[in-house]
Amino acid sequence: MNKLKYILLFIIINFASLYIGNILMDNGPQTSWYLSLEKAPWTPPGWVFGVAWTLIMLCFSFYLASLFLKQNSLKLKLAFTLQVFLNVIWNFVFFNQHLVAIGLIVISALTVVIFTFFFTNFKSMKNKSFLLLPYMVWLLIATSLNAFILLNN
């Protein structure tokens, strides 16, 4: 498969996973449950989430296309699948089921997976690894927001 096909494939998969996660959270950020929570002072306004996830998934798709061209292994496919699963399921666990502690475990696991992508592939991916930085930074912020809600509600 050529790079353009990989890019398109990962854009479709990544944005489909965001869409599924959005459906599973069942309008979570607008629910009375979420609105009544004490949130961290650094919680960004709602519109930032859409912009951030769009940038993250575009960068991640370009990164994955380059990575899969270099090494299309079962291990890599499993890591990507785990990332998709954790990203989607966090929305359901946190927003739909209100399981904040389990949500923190899920988002922490997702953070480990993305950081593992960065560090295990940095040597072969070099500067392309920096396409993961928006995802890494966002996950650190999101994890801290989840932890704040757990500790303060």
N, C-alpha and C. Protein backbone atom coordinates (compact mmCIF):
# COMPACT_ATOMS: atom_id res chain seq x y z
N MET A 1 0.86 -1.17 0.00
CA MET A 1 0.00 0.00 0.00
C MET A 1 0.91 1.24 0.00
N ASN A 2 0.54 2.25 -0.76
CA ASN A 2 1.38 3.46 -0.78
C ASN A 2 0.99 4.41 0.36
N LYS A 3 1.80 5.42 0.55
CA LYS A 3 1.63 6.32 1.69
C LYS A 3 0.28 7.04 1.68
N LEU A 4 -0.16 7.50 0.53
CA LEU A 4 -1.44 8.20 0.45
C LEU A 4 -2.60 7.30 0.88
N LYS A 5 -2.56 6.05 0.46
CA LYS A 5 -3.62 5.11 0.86
C LYS A 5 -3.59 4.87 2.37
N TYR A 6 -2.39 4.76 2.94
CA TYR A 6 -2.28 4.61 4.39
C TYR A 6 -2.82 5.85 5.11
N ILE A 7 -2.47 7.02 4.62
CA ILE A 7 -2.95 8.26 5.24
C ILE A 7 -4.48 8.27 5.24
N LEU A 8 -5.07 8.00 4.09
CA LEU A 8 -6.54 7.99 3.99
C LEU A 8 -7.15 6.91 4.88
N LEU A 9 -6.54 5.74 4.91
CA LEU A 9 -7.04 4.66 5.77
C LEU A 9 -7.04 5.09 7.23
N PHE A 10 -5.93 5.66 7.69
CA PHE A 10 -5.85 6.04 9.10
C PHE A 10 -6.72 7.25 9.42
N ILE A 11 -6.89 8.16 8.49
CA ILE A 11 -7.82 9.27 8.71
C ILE A 11 -9.23 8.72 8.90
N ILE A 12 -9.62 7.79 8.05
CA ILE A 12 -10.96 7.19 8.16
C ILE A 12 -11.11 6.45 9.49
N ILE A 13 -10.15 5.61 9.83
CA ILE A 13 -10.24 4.85 11.09
C ILE A 13 -10.23 5.78 12.30
N ASN A 14 -9.31 6.73 12.32
CA ASN A 14 -9.18 7.61 13.48
C ASN A 14 -10.41 8.50 13.67
N PHE A 15 -10.93 9.06 12.60
CA PHE A 15 -12.11 9.91 12.75
C PHE A 15 -13.37 9.08 13.00
N ALA A 16 -13.42 7.86 12.48
CA ALA A 16 -14.53 6.97 12.80
C ALA A 16 -14.51 6.62 14.28
N SER A 17 -13.33 6.41 14.83
CA SER A 17 -13.24 6.09 16.27
C SER A 17 -13.67 7.29 17.11
N LEU A 18 -13.33 8.49 16.68
CA LEU A 18 -13.80 9.69 17.39
C LEU A 18 -15.33 9.78 17.32
N TYR A 19 -15.88 9.49 16.17
CA TYR A 19 -17.33 9.53 15.98
C TYR A 19 -18.02 8.50 16.88
N ILE A 20 -17.50 7.29 16.91
CA ILE A 20 -18.07 6.24 17.75
C ILE A 20 -17.97 6.64 19.22
N GLY A 21 -16.81 7.16 19.62
CA GLY A 21 -16.64 7.62 20.99
C GLY A 21 -17.62 8.72 21.34
N ASN A 22 -17.87 9.61 20.40
CA ASN A 22 -18.83 10.69 20.61
C ASN A 22 -20.24 10.14 20.81
N ILE A 23 -20.61 9.15 20.02
CA ILE A 23 -21.92 8.52 20.18
C ILE A 23 -22.02 7.84 21.55
N LEU A 24 -20.96 7.13 21.94
CA LEU A 24 -20.99 6.38 23.21
C LEU A 24 -21.01 7.28 24.44
N MET A 25 -20.54 8.51 24.31
CA MET A 25 -20.57 9.38 25.49
C MET A 25 -21.94 10.02 25.67
N ASP A 26 -22.82 9.85 24.68
CA ASP A 26 -24.22 10.25 24.82
C ASP A 26 -24.36 11.69 25.31
N ASN A 27 -23.75 12.61 24.58
CA ASN A 27 -23.85 14.04 24.90
C ASN A 27 -23.28 14.36 26.27
N GLY A 28 -22.28 13.58 26.69
CA GLY A 28 -21.71 13.66 28.03
C GLY A 28 -21.36 15.03 28.55
N PRO A 29 -20.65 15.87 27.79
CA PRO A 29 -20.25 17.17 28.33
C PRO A 29 -21.43 18.12 28.58
N GLN A 30 -22.60 17.83 28.02
CA GLN A 30 -23.76 18.68 28.24
C GLN A 30 -24.73 18.11 29.28
N THR A 31 -24.39 16.98 29.86
CA THR A 31 -25.31 16.36 30.83
C THR A 31 -25.24 17.08 32.17
N SER A 32 -26.31 16.95 32.93
CA SER A 32 -26.33 17.58 34.25
C SER A 32 -25.25 16.97 35.14
N TRP A 33 -24.96 15.68 34.96
CA TRP A 33 -23.90 15.05 35.75
C TRP A 33 -22.58 15.77 35.54
N TYR A 34 -22.16 15.90 34.29
CA TYR A 34 -20.87 16.53 34.00
C TYR A 34 -20.86 18.00 34.39
N LEU A 35 -21.93 18.70 34.08
CA LEU A 35 -21.99 20.13 34.38
C LEU A 35 -21.94 20.41 35.88
N SER A 36 -22.40 19.44 36.70
CA SER A 36 -22.40 19.64 38.15
C SER A 36 -21.06 19.30 38.81
N LEU A 37 -20.15 18.69 38.06
CA LEU A 37 -18.85 18.32 38.63
C LEU A 37 -17.98 19.54 38.88
N GLU A 38 -17.17 19.44 39.93
CA GLU A 38 -16.12 20.44 40.12
C GLU A 38 -14.99 20.06 39.17
N LYS A 39 -14.69 20.98 38.26
CA LYS A 39 -13.67 20.71 37.25
C LYS A 39 -12.41 21.51 37.53
N ALA A 40 -11.31 21.03 36.99
CA ALA A 40 -10.01 21.68 37.18
C ALA A 40 -10.04 23.10 36.61
N PRO A 41 -9.33 24.01 37.26
CA PRO A 41 -9.27 25.39 36.75
C PRO A 41 -8.68 25.48 35.35
N TRP A 42 -7.90 24.49 34.94
CA TRP A 42 -7.27 24.51 33.62
C TRP A 42 -8.11 23.78 32.55
N THR A 43 -9.36 23.45 32.89
CA THR A 43 -10.25 22.81 31.91
C THR A 43 -10.48 23.77 30.75
N PRO A 44 -10.14 23.35 29.53
CA PRO A 44 -10.34 24.25 28.39
C PRO A 44 -11.82 24.39 28.04
N PRO A 45 -12.17 25.47 27.33
CA PRO A 45 -13.56 25.61 26.87
C PRO A 45 -13.92 24.47 25.91
N GLY A 46 -15.18 24.17 25.82
CA GLY A 46 -15.64 23.03 25.03
C GLY A 46 -15.17 23.00 23.59
N TRP A 47 -15.11 24.15 22.93
CA TRP A 47 -14.73 24.18 21.51
C TRP A 47 -13.30 23.70 21.28
N VAL A 48 -12.45 23.82 22.30
CA VAL A 48 -11.05 23.42 22.17
C VAL A 48 -10.93 21.91 21.91
N PHE A 49 -11.84 21.14 22.48
CA PHE A 49 -11.76 19.69 22.34
C PHE A 49 -11.88 19.25 20.87
N GLY A 50 -12.83 19.82 20.15
CA GLY A 50 -12.99 19.47 18.73
C GLY A 50 -11.78 19.86 17.90
N VAL A 51 -11.26 21.05 18.15
CA VAL A 51 -10.08 21.52 17.42
C VAL A 51 -8.88 20.63 17.75
N ALA A 52 -8.70 20.35 19.04
CA ALA A 52 -7.56 19.53 19.47
C ALA A 52 -7.63 18.14 18.86
N TRP A 53 -8.79 17.49 18.94
CA TRP A 53 -8.89 16.13 18.42
C TRP A 53 -8.73 16.07 16.91
N THR A 54 -9.18 17.10 16.21
CA THR A 54 -8.97 17.14 14.76
C THR A 54 -7.48 17.19 14.44
N LEU A 55 -6.76 18.09 15.10
CA LEU A 55 -5.31 18.21 14.89
C LEU A 55 -4.61 16.91 15.29
N ILE A 56 -4.97 16.37 16.44
CA ILE A 56 -4.34 15.15 16.93
C ILE A 56 -4.51 14.00 15.94
N MET A 57 -5.72 13.80 15.47
CA MET A 57 -5.97 12.66 14.58
C MET A 57 -5.35 12.85 13.20
N LEU A 58 -5.26 14.08 12.72
CA LEU A 58 -4.56 14.31 11.46
C LEU A 58 -3.07 14.00 11.61
N CYS A 59 -2.46 14.54 12.66
CA CYS A 59 -1.04 14.26 12.91
C CYS A 59 -0.80 12.77 13.12
N PHE A 60 -1.66 12.14 13.90
CA PHE A 60 -1.52 10.71 14.18
C PHE A 60 -1.65 9.89 12.90
N SER A 61 -2.55 10.27 12.03
CA SER A 61 -2.74 9.55 10.77
C SER A 61 -1.50 9.63 9.89
N PHE A 62 -0.89 10.81 9.81
CA PHE A 62 0.35 10.96 9.03
C PHE A 62 1.48 10.15 9.66
N TYR A 63 1.56 10.18 10.98
CA TYR A 63 2.57 9.40 11.70
C TYR A 63 2.40 7.91 11.41
N LEU A 64 1.17 7.43 11.57
CA LEU A 64 0.90 6.00 11.37
C LEU A 64 1.18 5.56 9.95
N ALA A 65 0.85 6.39 8.98
CA ALA A 65 1.12 6.04 7.58
C ALA A 65 2.62 5.81 7.37
N SER A 66 3.42 6.71 7.91
CA SER A 66 4.88 6.56 7.78
C SER A 66 5.38 5.34 8.54
N LEU A 67 4.85 5.13 9.74
CA LEU A 67 5.28 4.00 10.56
C LEU A 67 4.91 2.67 9.91
N PHE A 68 3.69 2.55 9.41
CA PHE A 68 3.26 1.29 8.80
C PHE A 68 4.01 1.01 7.50
N LEU A 69 4.46 2.04 6.81
CA LEU A 69 5.29 1.82 5.62
C LEU A 69 6.64 1.22 6.00
N LYS A 70 7.14 1.60 7.18
CA LYS A 70 8.44 1.09 7.64
C LYS A 70 8.33 -0.31 8.24
N GLN A 71 7.27 -0.56 8.98
CA GLN A 71 7.15 -1.84 9.69
C GLN A 71 5.68 -2.20 9.89
N ASN A 72 5.16 -2.96 9.01
CA ASN A 72 3.77 -3.38 9.07
C ASN A 72 3.70 -4.74 9.77
N SER A 73 3.81 -4.71 11.10
CA SER A 73 3.88 -5.95 11.87
C SER A 73 2.58 -6.20 12.64
N LEU A 74 2.40 -7.42 13.07
CA LEU A 74 1.25 -7.76 13.90
C LEU A 74 1.28 -6.98 15.20
N LYS A 75 2.45 -6.85 15.79
CA LYS A 75 2.60 -6.11 17.05
C LYS A 75 2.14 -4.66 16.87
N LEU A 76 2.50 -4.06 15.77
CA LEU A 76 2.11 -2.68 15.50
C LEU A 76 0.59 -2.58 15.29
N LYS A 77 0.03 -3.52 14.56
CA LYS A 77 -1.42 -3.53 14.35
C LYS A 77 -2.17 -3.69 15.67
N LEU A 78 -1.65 -4.55 16.55
CA LEU A 78 -2.28 -4.75 17.86
C LEU A 78 -2.19 -3.49 18.72
N ALA A 79 -1.04 -2.82 18.68
CA ALA A 79 -0.88 -1.59 19.45
C ALA A 79 -1.84 -0.51 18.95
N PHE A 80 -1.97 -0.40 17.64
CA PHE A 80 -2.90 0.58 17.08
C PHE A 80 -4.33 0.24 17.46
N THR A 81 -4.70 -1.04 17.37
CA THR A 81 -6.05 -1.47 17.74
C THR A 81 -6.33 -1.19 19.21
N LEU A 82 -5.36 -1.44 20.07
CA LEU A 82 -5.51 -1.14 21.49
C LEU A 82 -5.73 0.35 21.70
N GLN A 83 -5.00 1.18 20.98
CA GLN A 83 -5.16 2.63 21.08
C GLN A 83 -6.57 3.04 20.69
N VAL A 84 -7.07 2.48 19.58
CA VAL A 84 -8.43 2.81 19.14
C VAL A 84 -9.44 2.40 20.21
N PHE A 85 -9.30 1.18 20.72
CA PHE A 85 -10.22 0.68 21.74
C PHE A 85 -10.22 1.57 22.98
N LEU A 86 -9.04 1.89 23.49
CA LEU A 86 -8.95 2.72 24.70
C LEU A 86 -9.51 4.11 24.47
N ASN A 87 -9.23 4.67 23.31
CA ASN A 87 -9.72 6.01 23.00
C ASN A 87 -11.25 6.02 22.95
N VAL A 88 -11.84 5.02 22.33
CA VAL A 88 -13.29 4.95 22.21
C VAL A 88 -13.93 4.64 23.56
N ILE A 89 -13.40 3.66 24.27
CA ILE A 89 -14.05 3.18 25.49
C ILE A 89 -14.00 4.21 26.62
N TRP A 90 -12.97 5.07 26.61
CA TRP A 90 -12.90 6.09 27.67
C TRP A 90 -14.15 6.96 27.66
N ASN A 91 -14.61 7.36 26.49
CA ASN A 91 -15.81 8.19 26.39
C ASN A 91 -17.01 7.53 27.05
N PHE A 92 -17.18 6.24 26.79
CA PHE A 92 -18.30 5.49 27.35
C PHE A 92 -18.15 5.36 28.87
N VAL A 93 -16.98 4.96 29.30
CA VAL A 93 -16.74 4.73 30.73
C VAL A 93 -16.91 6.02 31.53
N PHE A 94 -16.29 7.09 31.06
CA PHE A 94 -16.29 8.34 31.82
C PHE A 94 -17.63 9.08 31.69
N PHE A 95 -18.03 9.40 30.47
CA PHE A 95 -19.21 10.26 30.27
C PHE A 95 -20.53 9.52 30.38
N ASN A 96 -20.61 8.31 29.86
CA ASN A 96 -21.88 7.59 29.83
C ASN A 96 -22.13 6.86 31.15
N GLN A 97 -21.12 6.18 31.65
CA GLN A 97 -21.29 5.37 32.86
C GLN A 97 -20.87 6.10 34.14
N HIS A 98 -20.21 7.24 34.01
CA HIS A 98 -19.76 8.06 35.14
C HIS A 98 -18.79 7.30 36.05
N LEU A 99 -18.02 6.40 35.46
CA LEU A 99 -17.03 5.62 36.21
C LEU A 99 -15.69 6.35 36.12
N VAL A 100 -15.56 7.37 36.93
CA VAL A 100 -14.41 8.28 36.83
C VAL A 100 -13.10 7.57 37.15
N ALA A 101 -13.08 6.71 38.15
CA ALA A 101 -11.84 6.00 38.51
C ALA A 101 -11.42 5.04 37.38
N ILE A 102 -12.37 4.31 36.83
CA ILE A 102 -12.04 3.42 35.72
C ILE A 102 -11.64 4.24 34.50
N GLY A 103 -12.29 5.38 34.32
CA GLY A 103 -11.90 6.29 33.24
C GLY A 103 -10.45 6.72 33.37
N LEU A 104 -10.03 6.99 34.60
CA LEU A 104 -8.64 7.38 34.83
C LEU A 104 -7.68 6.23 34.48
N ILE A 105 -8.07 5.02 34.79
CA ILE A 105 -7.25 3.86 34.42
C ILE A 105 -7.17 3.74 32.90
N VAL A 106 -8.30 3.89 32.23
CA VAL A 106 -8.34 3.77 30.77
C VAL A 106 -7.49 4.85 30.11
N ILE A 107 -7.66 6.10 30.54
CA ILE A 107 -6.91 7.18 29.90
C ILE A 107 -5.42 7.10 30.24
N SER A 108 -5.11 6.59 31.41
CA SER A 108 -3.69 6.37 31.76
C SER A 108 -3.09 5.29 30.86
N ALA A 109 -3.84 4.23 30.62
CA ALA A 109 -3.36 3.17 29.72
C ALA A 109 -3.18 3.71 28.30
N LEU A 110 -4.12 4.53 27.85
CA LEU A 110 -4.00 5.14 26.52
C LEU A 110 -2.76 6.02 26.44
N THR A 111 -2.49 6.76 27.49
CA THR A 111 -1.30 7.61 27.54
C THR A 111 -0.04 6.75 27.43
N VAL A 112 0.00 5.65 28.15
CA VAL A 112 1.15 4.74 28.07
C VAL A 112 1.32 4.20 26.65
N VAL A 113 0.23 3.83 26.01
CA VAL A 113 0.31 3.31 24.64
C VAL A 113 0.89 4.35 23.69
N ILE A 114 0.42 5.58 23.77
CA ILE A 114 0.90 6.62 22.85
C ILE A 114 2.36 6.98 23.15
N PHE A 115 2.72 7.07 24.41
CA PHE A 115 4.12 7.33 24.75
C PHE A 115 5.01 6.17 24.29
N THR A 116 4.48 4.95 24.35
CA THR A 116 5.23 3.79 23.88
C THR A 116 5.45 3.88 22.37
N PHE A 117 4.42 4.28 21.64
CA PHE A 117 4.60 4.52 20.20
C PHE A 117 5.77 5.46 19.97
N PHE A 118 5.79 6.55 20.72
CA PHE A 118 6.83 7.57 20.54
C PHE A 118 8.22 7.00 20.82
N PHE A 119 8.39 6.42 22.01
CA PHE A 119 9.73 6.01 22.43
C PHE A 119 10.24 4.75 21.73
N THR A 120 9.36 3.81 21.42
CA THR A 120 9.85 2.59 20.77
C THR A 120 10.15 2.80 19.28
N ASN A 121 9.57 3.81 18.69
CA ASN A 121 9.76 4.03 17.26
C ASN A 121 10.55 5.29 16.94
N PHE A 122 11.03 5.98 17.96
CA PHE A 122 11.71 7.25 17.72
C PHE A 122 12.94 7.08 16.83
N LYS A 123 13.69 6.03 17.05
CA LYS A 123 14.93 5.84 16.29
C LYS A 123 14.64 5.68 14.79
N SER A 124 13.61 4.92 14.47
CA SER A 124 13.30 4.70 13.05
C SER A 124 12.48 5.84 12.45
N MET A 125 11.69 6.51 13.27
CA MET A 125 10.80 7.56 12.75
C MET A 125 11.42 8.96 12.80
N LYS A 126 12.42 9.13 13.65
CA LYS A 126 13.12 10.41 13.80
C LYS A 126 12.14 11.57 13.96
N ASN A 127 12.26 12.60 13.12
CA ASN A 127 11.44 13.81 13.27
C ASN A 127 9.95 13.55 13.13
N LYS A 128 9.56 12.51 12.41
CA LYS A 128 8.14 12.21 12.26
C LYS A 128 7.51 11.83 13.61
N SER A 129 8.34 11.42 14.56
CA SER A 129 7.83 11.11 15.89
C SER A 129 7.18 12.31 16.55
N PHE A 130 7.62 13.50 16.17
CA PHE A 130 7.08 14.70 16.78
C PHE A 130 5.63 14.96 16.38
N LEU A 131 5.15 14.23 15.37
CA LEU A 131 3.72 14.30 15.04
C LEU A 131 2.86 13.75 16.18
N LEU A 132 3.47 12.99 17.09
CA LEU A 132 2.74 12.46 18.25
C LEU A 132 2.64 13.47 19.39
N LEU A 133 3.43 14.52 19.35
CA LEU A 133 3.44 15.47 20.48
C LEU A 133 2.07 16.06 20.81
N PRO A 134 1.26 16.47 19.82
CA PRO A 134 -0.07 16.97 20.20
C PRO A 134 -0.89 15.94 20.97
N TYR A 135 -0.82 14.68 20.53
CA TYR A 135 -1.55 13.60 21.21
C TYR A 135 -1.01 13.41 22.62
N MET A 136 0.30 13.40 22.75
CA MET A 136 0.93 13.18 24.06
C MET A 136 0.57 14.30 25.03
N VAL A 137 0.68 15.53 24.59
CA VAL A 137 0.36 16.68 25.46
C VAL A 137 -1.12 16.65 25.83
N TRP A 138 -1.97 16.41 24.84
CA TRP A 138 -3.41 16.39 25.12
C TRP A 138 -3.77 15.29 26.11
N LEU A 139 -3.16 14.12 25.98
CA LEU A 139 -3.45 13.04 26.92
C LEU A 139 -2.98 13.37 28.33
N LEU A 140 -1.87 14.06 28.46
CA LEU A 140 -1.43 14.48 29.80
C LEU A 140 -2.43 15.46 30.40
N ILE A 141 -2.92 16.37 29.59
CA ILE A 141 -3.94 17.32 30.07
C ILE A 141 -5.22 16.57 30.43
N ALA A 142 -5.69 15.72 29.53
CA ALA A 142 -6.93 14.98 29.76
C ALA A 142 -6.84 14.08 30.99
N THR A 143 -5.69 13.45 31.17
CA THR A 143 -5.49 12.60 32.34
C THR A 143 -5.54 13.43 33.61
N SER A 144 -4.94 14.60 33.58
CA SER A 144 -4.97 15.47 34.76
C SER A 144 -6.39 15.96 35.05
N LEU A 145 -7.17 16.23 34.00
CA LEU A 145 -8.56 16.65 34.20
C LEU A 145 -9.38 15.52 34.81
N ASN A 146 -9.19 14.31 34.32
CA ASN A 146 -9.88 13.13 34.85
C ASN A 146 -9.49 12.92 36.32
N ALA A 147 -8.20 13.03 36.61
CA ALA A 147 -7.72 12.84 37.99
C ALA A 147 -8.30 13.91 38.91
N PHE A 148 -8.35 15.15 38.45
CA PHE A 148 -8.90 16.23 39.26
C PHE A 148 -10.36 15.94 39.60
N ILE A 149 -11.12 15.51 38.61
CA ILE A 149 -12.54 15.20 38.85
C ILE A 149 -12.67 14.05 39.84
N LEU A 150 -11.82 13.04 39.72
CA LEU A 150 -11.86 11.92 40.65
C LEU A 150 -11.57 12.37 42.08
N LEU A 151 -10.58 13.21 42.24
CA LEU A 151 -10.15 13.63 43.57
C LEU A 151 -11.05 14.69 44.20
N ASN A 152 -11.81 15.41 43.40
CA ASN A 152 -12.56 16.55 43.92
C ASN A 152 -14.08 16.40 43.84
N ASN A 153 -14.56 15.22 43.52
CA ASN A 153 -16.01 15.03 43.43
C ASN A 153 -16.44 13.75 44.16
